[in-house]
Amino acid sequence: MKLLAVGDVVSKPGLETVRRLLRQVKKQHGIDFTIVNGENASGVGITPDQADDLFAAGADVVTLGNHVYNKRQIVPYLDECAYILRPANQAPQQPGRGWGIFDCAGRRLLVMNLIGRCEMAFGPDNPFLCADRILKEQKGKYDWVVCEFHAGATSEKLAMGFYLDGRCSAVYGTHTHVPTADARVNPKGTGYMTDIGMTGPVWSVLGIQPEQSIAMFRGDLTEPFRAASGQTALMGAVFEIDDKSGKCCSVTPVYETMG
């Protein structure tokens, strides 16, 4: 089985890139299941229409992160749609769900969406203990597990990769928008990549116009961020999983450009 994870889709350029490239990438790699992080589809946050666009483009599951509620119109959608996941370790009274079990090539695939605590401006529950709880409560109901960890600290992501090694088929990170060079299979058979990057403008700072980011770091008066223009890329990773053991055979970074 081949699973494609697509990095944070950023604003209109990212959405257009997914529309035009996702099915091509899926066909090229023989993908069976696709997870797309959509939390930046509006720049910060996502609307129901944008989530529908990602599903129409070929996403099987859409994951979110720290901007999950920036567009409040998404709130009822999170309860209505089982295929969009907010971080599981956020406050339990918040709308939506943080994991789901989906059919994938005749197997039951448990997808967990977790958020880190290092360098985040709020206090979610412990993601490590949350992962333990989900795996224990759903034991016997799934065949394979994939975990997306939306976190800022590479150390926290690496720790999660080792913590879930042998218990998940794949663990990968999102949030920092820059792909890392450590795509690998961990010692106990879990495919891992610290950050799979983003989908949006190439000549940008995390998707926004470089001059705006420079101005912010200089201490200048700034205005609302705008997405950069020009060439875009779809970034992510393909995890090839053994059908019998559920262990990962290989991890292949994806970087497909457009324009």
C-alpha atoms as a PDB file:
ATOM      1  CA  MET A   1       0.000   0.000   0.000  1.00  0.00           C
ATOM      2  CA  LYS A   2       1.216   3.484  -0.823  1.00  0.00           C
ATOM      3  CA  LEU A   3       0.153   6.461   1.243  1.00  0.00           C
ATOM      4  CA  LEU A   4       0.719  10.066   0.175  1.00  0.00           C
ATOM      5  CA  ALA A   5       0.954  12.816   2.799  1.00  0.00           C
ATOM      6  CA  VAL A   6       0.790  16.385   1.452  1.00  0.00           C
ATOM      7  CA  GLY A   7       2.266  19.311   3.384  1.00  0.00           C
ATOM      8  CA  ASP A   8       0.364  22.417   4.542  1.00  0.00           C
ATOM      9  CA  VAL A   9      -1.644  23.901   1.654  1.00  0.00           C
ATOM     10  CA  VAL A  10      -1.096  27.685   1.710  1.00  0.00           C
ATOM     11  CA  SER A  11      -3.733  30.138   0.421  1.00  0.00           C
ATOM     12  CA  LYS A  12      -5.074  30.310  -3.145  1.00  0.00           C
ATOM     13  CA  PRO A  13      -1.756  29.352  -4.805  1.00  0.00           C
ATOM     14  CA  GLY A  14      -1.608  26.188  -2.713  1.00  0.00           C
ATOM     15  CA  LEU A  15      -5.215  25.282  -3.441  1.00  0.00           C
ATOM     16  CA  GLU A  16      -4.689  25.752  -7.169  1.00  0.00           C
ATOM     17  CA  THR A  17      -1.545  23.607  -7.025  1.00  0.00           C
ATOM     18  CA  VAL A  18      -3.455  20.792  -5.332  1.00  0.00           C
ATOM     19  CA  ARG A  19      -6.240  21.038  -7.908  1.00  0.00           C
ATOM     20  CA  ARG A  20      -3.812  20.779 -10.801  1.00  0.00           C
ATOM     21  CA  LEU A  21      -1.134  18.416  -9.479  1.00  0.00           C
ATOM     22  CA  LEU A  22      -2.554  16.069  -6.853  1.00  0.00           C
ATOM     23  CA  ARG A  23      -4.184  13.524  -9.140  1.00  0.00           C
ATOM     24  CA  GLN A  24      -1.098  13.549 -11.363  1.00  0.00           C
ATOM     25  CA  VAL A  25       1.152  12.834  -8.372  1.00  0.00           C
ATOM     26  CA  LYS A  26      -1.183  10.088  -7.137  1.00  0.00           C
ATOM     27  CA  LYS A  27      -1.125   8.392 -10.530  1.00  0.00           C
ATOM     28  CA  GLN A  28       2.646   8.744 -10.862  1.00  0.00           C
ATOM     29  CA  HIS A  29       3.294   7.017  -7.517  1.00  0.00           C
ATOM     30  CA  GLY A  30       0.379   4.551  -7.543  1.00  0.00           C
ATOM     31  CA  ILE A  31      -1.167   6.034  -4.401  1.00  0.00           C
ATOM     32  CA  ASP A  32      -3.878   4.164  -2.472  1.00  0.00           C
ATOM     33  CA  PHE A  33      -4.653   6.787   0.189  1.00  0.00           C
ATOM     34  CA  THR A  34      -3.989  10.535   0.455  1.00  0.00           C
ATOM     35  CA  ILE A  35      -3.848  12.810   3.507  1.00  0.00           C
ATOM     36  CA  VAL A  36      -3.650  16.583   2.912  1.00  0.00           C
ATOM     37  CA  ASN A  37      -2.971  19.191   5.590  1.00  0.00           C
ATOM     38  CA  GLY A  38      -5.341  22.083   4.882  1.00  0.00           C
ATOM     39  CA  GLU A  39      -5.002  24.339   7.910  1.00  0.00           C
ATOM     40  CA  ASN A  40      -3.496  27.226   5.908  1.00  0.00           C
ATOM     41  CA  ALA A  41      -5.892  27.086   2.957  1.00  0.00           C
ATOM     42  CA  SER A  42      -7.175  30.554   3.930  1.00  0.00           C
ATOM     43  CA  GLY A  43      -3.714  31.778   4.892  1.00  0.00           C
ATOM     44  CA  VAL A  44      -4.658  30.994   8.488  1.00  0.00           C
ATOM     45  CA  GLY A  45      -7.522  28.536   8.806  1.00  0.00           C
ATOM     46  CA  ILE A  46      -9.810  26.799   6.348  1.00  0.00           C
ATOM     47  CA  THR A  47     -13.415  27.241   5.202  1.00  0.00           C
ATOM     48  CA  PRO A  48     -15.909  24.484   4.324  1.00  0.00           C
ATOM     49  CA  ASP A  49     -15.673  25.384   0.627  1.00  0.00           C
ATOM     50  CA  GLN A  50     -11.890  25.072   0.727  1.00  0.00           C
ATOM     51  CA  ALA A  51     -12.124  21.707   2.481  1.00  0.00           C
ATOM     52  CA  ASP A  52     -14.548  20.552  -0.226  1.00  0.00           C
ATOM     53  CA  ASP A  53     -12.034  21.721  -2.849  1.00  0.00           C
ATOM     54  CA  LEU A  54      -9.320  19.546  -1.282  1.00  0.00           C
ATOM     55  CA  PHE A  55     -11.589  16.500  -1.268  1.00  0.00           C
ATOM     56  CA  ALA A  56     -12.625  17.159  -4.868  1.00  0.00           C
ATOM     57  CA  ALA A  57      -8.936  17.406  -5.840  1.00  0.00           C
ATOM     58  CA  GLY A  58      -8.250  13.912  -4.490  1.00  0.00           C
ATOM     59  CA  ALA A  59      -7.715  14.084  -0.720  1.00  0.00           C
ATOM     60  CA  ASP A  60      -9.139  11.148   1.258  1.00  0.00           C
ATOM     61  CA  VAL A  61      -8.568  12.866   4.618  1.00  0.00           C
ATOM     62  CA  VAL A  62      -7.856  16.524   5.448  1.00  0.00           C
ATOM     63  CA  THR A  63      -5.844  17.290   8.590  1.00  0.00           C
ATOM     64  CA  LEU A  64      -5.567  20.569  10.492  1.00  0.00           C
ATOM     65  CA  GLY A  65      -3.342  22.203  13.099  1.00  0.00           C
ATOM     66  CA  ASN A  66      -3.001  25.276  15.292  1.00  0.00           C
ATOM     67  CA  HIS A  67      -5.125  27.427  12.936  1.00  0.00           C
ATOM     68  CA  VAL A  68      -8.039  24.990  12.965  1.00  0.00           C
ATOM     69  CA  TYR A  69     -10.588  27.510  14.295  1.00  0.00           C
ATOM     70  CA  ASN A  70      -9.320  30.721  12.690  1.00  0.00           C
ATOM     71  CA  LYS A  71     -12.239  30.577  10.239  1.00  0.00           C
ATOM     72  CA  ARG A  72     -15.202  29.953  12.532  1.00  0.00           C
ATOM     73  CA  GLN A  73     -17.463  28.871   9.676  1.00  0.00           C
ATOM     74  CA  ILE A  74     -15.532  25.581   9.718  1.00  0.00           C
ATOM     75  CA  VAL A  75     -16.889  24.691  13.181  1.00  0.00           C
ATOM     76  CA  PRO A  76     -20.140  22.904  12.160  1.00  0.00           C
ATOM     77  CA  TYR A  77     -18.316  21.259   9.235  1.00  0.00           C
ATOM     78  CA  LEU A  78     -15.874  19.611  11.661  1.00  0.00           C
ATOM     79  CA  ASP A  79     -18.742  17.818  13.404  1.00  0.00           C
ATOM     80  CA  GLU A  80     -20.562  16.943  10.178  1.00  0.00           C
ATOM     81  CA  CYS A  81     -17.648  15.549   8.137  1.00  0.00           C
ATOM     82  CA  ALA A  82     -15.787  12.475   9.403  1.00  0.00           C
ATOM     83  CA  TYR A  83     -12.945  12.955   6.911  1.00  0.00           C
ATOM     84  CA  ILE A  84     -11.507  16.183   8.324  1.00  0.00           C
ATOM     85  CA  LEU A  85      -9.418  15.898  11.497  1.00  0.00           C
ATOM     86  CA  ARG A  86      -8.387  18.527  14.016  1.00  0.00           C
ATOM     87  CA  PRO A  87      -5.622  17.736  16.550  1.00  0.00           C
ATOM     88  CA  ALA A  88      -6.807  14.975  18.889  1.00  0.00           C
ATOM     89  CA  ASN A  89      -5.062  16.399  21.957  1.00  0.00           C
ATOM     90  CA  GLN A  90      -6.896  19.715  21.952  1.00  0.00           C
ATOM     91  CA  ALA A  91      -9.563  20.303  24.617  1.00  0.00           C
ATOM     92  CA  PRO A  92     -12.175  17.521  24.384  1.00  0.00           C
ATOM     93  CA  GLN A  93     -15.098  19.963  24.364  1.00  0.00           C
ATOM     94  CA  GLN A  94     -13.879  21.551  21.114  1.00  0.00           C
ATOM     95  CA  PRO A  95     -15.715  20.699  17.876  1.00  0.00           C
ATOM     96  CA  GLY A  96     -14.529  17.965  15.572  1.00  0.00           C
ATOM     97  CA  ARG A  97     -12.568  14.742  15.968  1.00  0.00           C
ATOM     98  CA  GLY A  98      -8.842  14.022  16.084  1.00  0.00           C
ATOM     99  CA  TRP A  99      -8.688  10.548  14.599  1.00  0.00           C
ATOM    100  CA  GLY A 100     -10.625   8.279  12.301  1.00  0.00           C
ATOM    101  CA  ILE A 101     -10.550   4.756  10.892  1.00  0.00           C
ATOM    102  CA  PHE A 102     -10.840   4.581   7.118  1.00  0.00           C
ATOM    103  CA  ASP A 103     -10.874   1.871   4.451  1.00  0.00           C
ATOM    104  CA  CYS A 104      -7.588   1.709   2.583  1.00  0.00           C
ATOM    105  CA  ALA A 105      -6.825  -0.996   0.028  1.00  0.00           C
ATOM    106  CA  GLY A 106      -8.969  -3.430   1.999  1.00  0.00           C
ATOM    107  CA  ARG A 107      -7.311  -2.536   5.309  1.00  0.00           C
ATOM    108  CA  ARG A 108      -8.552  -0.476   8.243  1.00  0.00           C
ATOM    109  CA  LEU A 109      -6.320   2.605   8.479  1.00  0.00           C
ATOM    110  CA  LEU A 110      -6.297   4.589  11.718  1.00  0.00           C
ATOM    111  CA  VAL A 111      -5.234   8.196  11.066  1.00  0.00           C
ATOM    112  CA  MET A 112      -4.237  10.264  14.122  1.00  0.00           C
ATOM    113  CA  ASN A 113      -3.755  14.036  14.015  1.00  0.00           C
ATOM    114  CA  LEU A 114      -1.727  15.380  16.964  1.00  0.00           C
ATOM    115  CA  ILE A 115      -0.317  18.801  17.811  1.00  0.00           C
ATOM    116  CA  GLY A 116       2.921  19.565  19.624  1.00  0.00           C
ATOM    117  CA  ARG A 117       3.352  21.653  22.763  1.00  0.00           C
ATOM    118  CA  CYS A 118       6.833  23.103  22.241  1.00  0.00           C
ATOM    119  CA  GLU A 119       6.768  26.667  20.866  1.00  0.00           C
ATOM    120  CA  MET A 120       2.963  26.701  20.593  1.00  0.00           C
ATOM    121  CA  ALA A 121       1.033  29.605  22.134  1.00  0.00           C
ATOM    122  CA  PHE A 122      -1.540  27.440  23.897  1.00  0.00           C
ATOM    123  CA  GLY A 123      -1.591  24.364  26.074  1.00  0.00           C
ATOM    124  CA  PRO A 124      -2.948  21.233  24.418  1.00  0.00           C
ATOM    125  CA  ASP A 125      -2.948  17.884  26.209  1.00  0.00           C
ATOM    126  CA  ASN A 126       0.201  15.761  26.163  1.00  0.00           C
ATOM    127  CA  PRO A 127       0.407  14.377  22.592  1.00  0.00           C
ATOM    128  CA  PHE A 128       2.432  11.331  23.637  1.00  0.00           C
ATOM    129  CA  LEU A 129      -0.130  10.233  26.213  1.00  0.00           C
ATOM    130  CA  CYS A 130      -2.944  11.058  23.780  1.00  0.00           C
ATOM    131  CA  ALA A 131      -1.392   8.739  21.168  1.00  0.00           C
ATOM    132  CA  ASP A 132      -1.183   5.966  23.787  1.00  0.00           C
ATOM    133  CA  ARG A 133      -4.827   6.461  24.705  1.00  0.00           C
ATOM    134  CA  ILE A 134      -6.091   6.339  21.108  1.00  0.00           C
ATOM    135  CA  LEU A 135      -4.079   3.211  20.267  1.00  0.00           C
ATOM    136  CA  LYS A 136      -5.269   1.456  23.419  1.00  0.00           C
ATOM    137  CA  GLU A 137      -8.941   2.412  23.038  1.00  0.00           C
ATOM    138  CA  GLN A 138      -9.063   1.422  19.355  1.00  0.00           C
ATOM    139  CA  LYS A 139      -7.027  -1.774  19.655  1.00  0.00           C
ATOM    140  CA  GLY A 140      -8.465  -4.494  17.440  1.00  0.00           C
ATOM    141  CA  LYS A 141     -10.389  -2.020  15.288  1.00  0.00           C
ATOM    142  CA  TYR A 142      -7.545  -1.098  12.913  1.00  0.00           C
ATOM    143  CA  ASP A 143      -4.843  -2.780  10.855  1.00  0.00           C
ATOM    144  CA  TRP A 144      -2.420   0.103  10.223  1.00  0.00           C
ATOM    145  CA  VAL A 145      -1.793   3.460  11.899  1.00  0.00           C
ATOM    146  CA  VAL A 146      -0.543   6.748  10.471  1.00  0.00           C
ATOM    147  CA  CYS A 147       0.225   9.723  12.691  1.00  0.00           C
ATOM    148  CA  GLU A 148       0.572  13.326  11.543  1.00  0.00           C
ATOM    149  CA  PHE A 149       2.309  15.443  14.191  1.00  0.00           C
ATOM    150  CA  HIS A 150       1.746  19.169  13.701  1.00  0.00           C
ATOM    151  CA  ALA A 151       4.586  20.629  15.753  1.00  0.00           C
ATOM    152  CA  GLY A 152       7.212  23.357  15.748  1.00  0.00           C
ATOM    153  CA  ALA A 153      10.152  21.715  17.502  1.00  0.00           C
ATOM    154  CA  THR A 154      12.156  19.176  15.534  1.00  0.00           C
ATOM    155  CA  SER A 155      13.165  17.516  18.818  1.00  0.00           C
ATOM    156  CA  GLU A 156       9.522  16.920  19.745  1.00  0.00           C
ATOM    157  CA  LYS A 157       8.801  15.476  16.298  1.00  0.00           C
ATOM    158  CA  LEU A 158      11.843  13.196  16.403  1.00  0.00           C
ATOM    159  CA  ALA A 159      10.875  12.004  19.885  1.00  0.00           C
ATOM    160  CA  MET A 160       7.371  11.166  18.662  1.00  0.00           C
ATOM    161  CA  GLY A 161       8.819   9.256  15.717  1.00  0.00           C
ATOM    162  CA  PHE A 162      10.838   7.048  18.044  1.00  0.00           C
ATOM    163  CA  TYR A 163       8.039   6.808  20.614  1.00  0.00           C
ATOM    164  CA  LEU A 164       5.639   5.379  18.022  1.00  0.00           C
ATOM    165  CA  ASP A 165       8.273   3.339  16.187  1.00  0.00           C
ATOM    166  CA  GLY A 166       6.857  -0.142  15.635  1.00  0.00           C
ATOM    167  CA  ARG A 167       3.347   0.951  16.610  1.00  0.00           C
ATOM    168  CA  CYS A 168       2.614   3.073  13.508  1.00  0.00           C
ATOM    169  CA  SER A 169       3.260   2.441   9.850  1.00  0.00           C
ATOM    170  CA  ALA A 170       4.171   6.116   9.372  1.00  0.00           C
ATOM    171  CA  VAL A 171       4.793   9.208  11.481  1.00  0.00           C
ATOM    172  CA  TYR A 172       5.455  12.544   9.833  1.00  0.00           C
ATOM    173  CA  GLY A 173       5.559  16.201  10.808  1.00  0.00           C
ATOM    174  CA  THR A 174       3.855  19.326   9.492  1.00  0.00           C
ATOM    175  CA  HIS A 175       3.656  23.007  10.540  1.00  0.00           C
ATOM    176  CA  THR A 176       7.122  24.404   9.794  1.00  0.00           C
ATOM    177  CA  HIS A 177       6.549  24.366   5.990  1.00  0.00           C
ATOM    178  CA  VAL A 178      10.153  23.444   5.161  1.00  0.00           C
ATOM    179  CA  PRO A 179      10.849  19.836   4.100  1.00  0.00           C
ATOM    180  CA  THR A 180      13.563  18.070   6.066  1.00  0.00           C
ATOM    181  CA  ALA A 181      16.224  15.744   4.676  1.00  0.00           C
ATOM    182  CA  ASP A 182      15.568  12.819   7.020  1.00  0.00           C
ATOM    183  CA  ALA A 183      13.008  10.683   5.174  1.00  0.00           C
ATOM    184  CA  ARG A 184      13.719   7.176   6.496  1.00  0.00           C
ATOM    185  CA  VAL A 185      12.403   4.000   8.065  1.00  0.00           C
ATOM    186  CA  ASN A 186      13.046   3.897  11.812  1.00  0.00           C
ATOM    187  CA  PRO A 187      14.603   0.773  13.425  1.00  0.00           C
ATOM    188  CA  LYS A 188      11.284  -0.931  14.296  1.00  0.00           C
ATOM    189  CA  GLY A 189       9.680  -0.323  10.903  1.00  0.00           C
ATOM    190  CA  THR A 190       7.929   3.054  11.109  1.00  0.00           C
ATOM    191  CA  GLY A 191       8.330   5.407   8.151  1.00  0.00           C
ATOM    192  CA  TYR A 192       9.353   8.852   9.338  1.00  0.00           C
ATOM    193  CA  MET A 193      10.034  12.411   8.127  1.00  0.00           C
ATOM    194  CA  THR A 194      10.384  15.363  10.499  1.00  0.00           C
ATOM    195  CA  ASP A 195       8.562  17.802   8.194  1.00  0.00           C
ATOM    196  CA  ILE A 196       7.056  17.119   4.780  1.00  0.00           C
ATOM    197  CA  GLY A 197       7.005  20.791   3.741  1.00  0.00           C
ATOM    198  CA  MET A 198       4.176  22.866   2.307  1.00  0.00           C
ATOM    199  CA  THR A 199       2.143  23.249  -0.866  1.00  0.00           C
ATOM    200  CA  GLY A 200       2.215  26.768  -2.274  1.00  0.00           C
ATOM    201  CA  PRO A 201       4.589  29.478  -3.552  1.00  0.00           C
ATOM    202  CA  VAL A 202       8.216  28.426  -3.972  1.00  0.00           C
ATOM    203  CA  TRP A 203       9.712  31.936  -3.899  1.00  0.00           C
ATOM    204  CA  SER A 204       8.275  32.824  -0.511  1.00  0.00           C
ATOM    205  CA  VAL A 205       8.845  32.697   3.211  1.00  0.00           C
ATOM    206  CA  LEU A 206       6.532  29.896   4.325  1.00  0.00           C
ATOM    207  CA  GLY A 207       4.138  30.898   1.559  1.00  0.00           C
ATOM    208  CA  ILE A 208       4.054  34.675   2.068  1.00  0.00           C
ATOM    209  CA  GLN A 209       5.765  37.468   0.165  1.00  0.00           C
ATOM    210  CA  PRO A 210       9.451  37.582   1.211  1.00  0.00           C
ATOM    211  CA  GLU A 211       9.500  41.372   1.613  1.00  0.00           C
ATOM    212  CA  GLN A 212       6.694  41.175   4.161  1.00  0.00           C
ATOM    213  CA  SER A 213       8.583  38.630   6.242  1.00  0.00           C
ATOM    214  CA  ILE A 214      11.772  40.665   5.977  1.00  0.00           C
ATOM    215  CA  ALA A 215       9.906  43.767   7.154  1.00  0.00           C
ATOM    216  CA  MET A 216       8.558  41.876  10.167  1.00  0.00           C
ATOM    217  CA  PHE A 217      12.005  40.659  11.187  1.00  0.00           C
ATOM    218  CA  ARG A 218      13.462  44.138  10.664  1.00  0.00           C
ATOM    219  CA  GLY A 219      10.890  45.536  13.074  1.00  0.00           C
ATOM    220  CA  ASP A 220       9.110  47.662  10.460  1.00  0.00           C
ATOM    221  CA  LEU A 221       5.418  48.454  10.578  1.00  0.00           C
ATOM    222  CA  THR A 222       3.722  45.600   8.753  1.00  0.00           C
ATOM    223  CA  GLU A 223       0.451  44.903   7.000  1.00  0.00           C
ATOM    224  CA  PRO A 224      -1.570  41.667   6.677  1.00  0.00           C
ATOM    225  CA  PHE A 225       0.437  38.918   5.061  1.00  0.00           C
ATOM    226  CA  ARG A 226      -0.241  38.126   1.405  1.00  0.00           C
ATOM    227  CA  ALA A 227       0.590  34.935  -0.443  1.00  0.00           C
ATOM    228  CA  ALA A 228       3.571  35.161  -2.772  1.00  0.00           C
ATOM    229  CA  SER A 229       3.111  34.787  -6.518  1.00  0.00           C
ATOM    230  CA  GLY A 230       4.965  32.825  -9.182  1.00  0.00           C
ATOM    231  CA  GLN A 231       6.067  29.207  -9.244  1.00  0.00           C
ATOM    232  CA  THR A 232       4.436  26.822  -6.784  1.00  0.00           C
ATOM    233  CA  ALA A 233       5.189  23.327  -5.521  1.00  0.00           C
ATOM    234  CA  LEU A 234       3.344  20.399  -4.027  1.00  0.00           C
ATOM    235  CA  MET A 235       5.475  18.959  -1.233  1.00  0.00           C
ATOM    236  CA  GLY A 236       4.949  15.811   0.783  1.00  0.00           C
ATOM    237  CA  ALA A 237       6.053  12.212   1.110  1.00  0.00           C
ATOM    238  CA  VAL A 238       5.068   8.756  -0.097  1.00  0.00           C
ATOM    239  CA  PHE A 239       5.120   5.949   2.476  1.00  0.00           C
ATOM    240  CA  GLU A 240       5.180   2.433   1.024  1.00  0.00           C
ATOM    241  CA  ILE A 241       3.738  -0.010   3.565  1.00  0.00           C
ATOM    242  CA  ASP A 242       4.047  -3.800   3.515  1.00  0.00           C
ATOM    243  CA  ASP A 243       0.599  -5.344   3.168  1.00  0.00           C
ATOM    244  CA  LYS A 244       1.284  -8.195   5.583  1.00  0.00           C
ATOM    245  CA  SER A 245       3.389  -6.689   8.360  1.00  0.00           C
ATOM    246  CA  GLY A 246       2.187  -3.091   8.238  1.00  0.00           C
ATOM    247  CA  LYS A 247       5.800  -1.968   8.420  1.00  0.00           C
ATOM    248  CA  CYS A 248       7.089   0.762   6.150  1.00  0.00           C
ATOM    249  CA  CYS A 249       9.319  -0.330   3.294  1.00  0.00           C
ATOM    250  CA  SER A 250      10.404   3.106   2.067  1.00  0.00           C
ATOM    251  CA  VAL A 251       9.793   6.841   2.370  1.00  0.00           C
ATOM    252  CA  THR A 252      10.067   9.015  -0.740  1.00  0.00           C
ATOM    253  CA  PRO A 253       9.916  12.826  -0.499  1.00  0.00           C
ATOM    254  CA  VAL A 254       7.681  14.543  -3.060  1.00  0.00           C
ATOM    255  CA  TYR A 255       8.466  17.944  -4.594  1.00  0.00           C
ATOM    256  CA  GLU A 256       6.459  18.657  -7.754  1.00  0.00           C
ATOM    257  CA  THR A 257       6.552  22.179  -9.200  1.00  0.00           C
ATOM    258  CA  MET A 258       4.063  24.100 -11.327  1.00  0.00           C
ATOM    259  CA  GLY A 259       4.443  27.345 -13.263  1.00  0.00           C
END
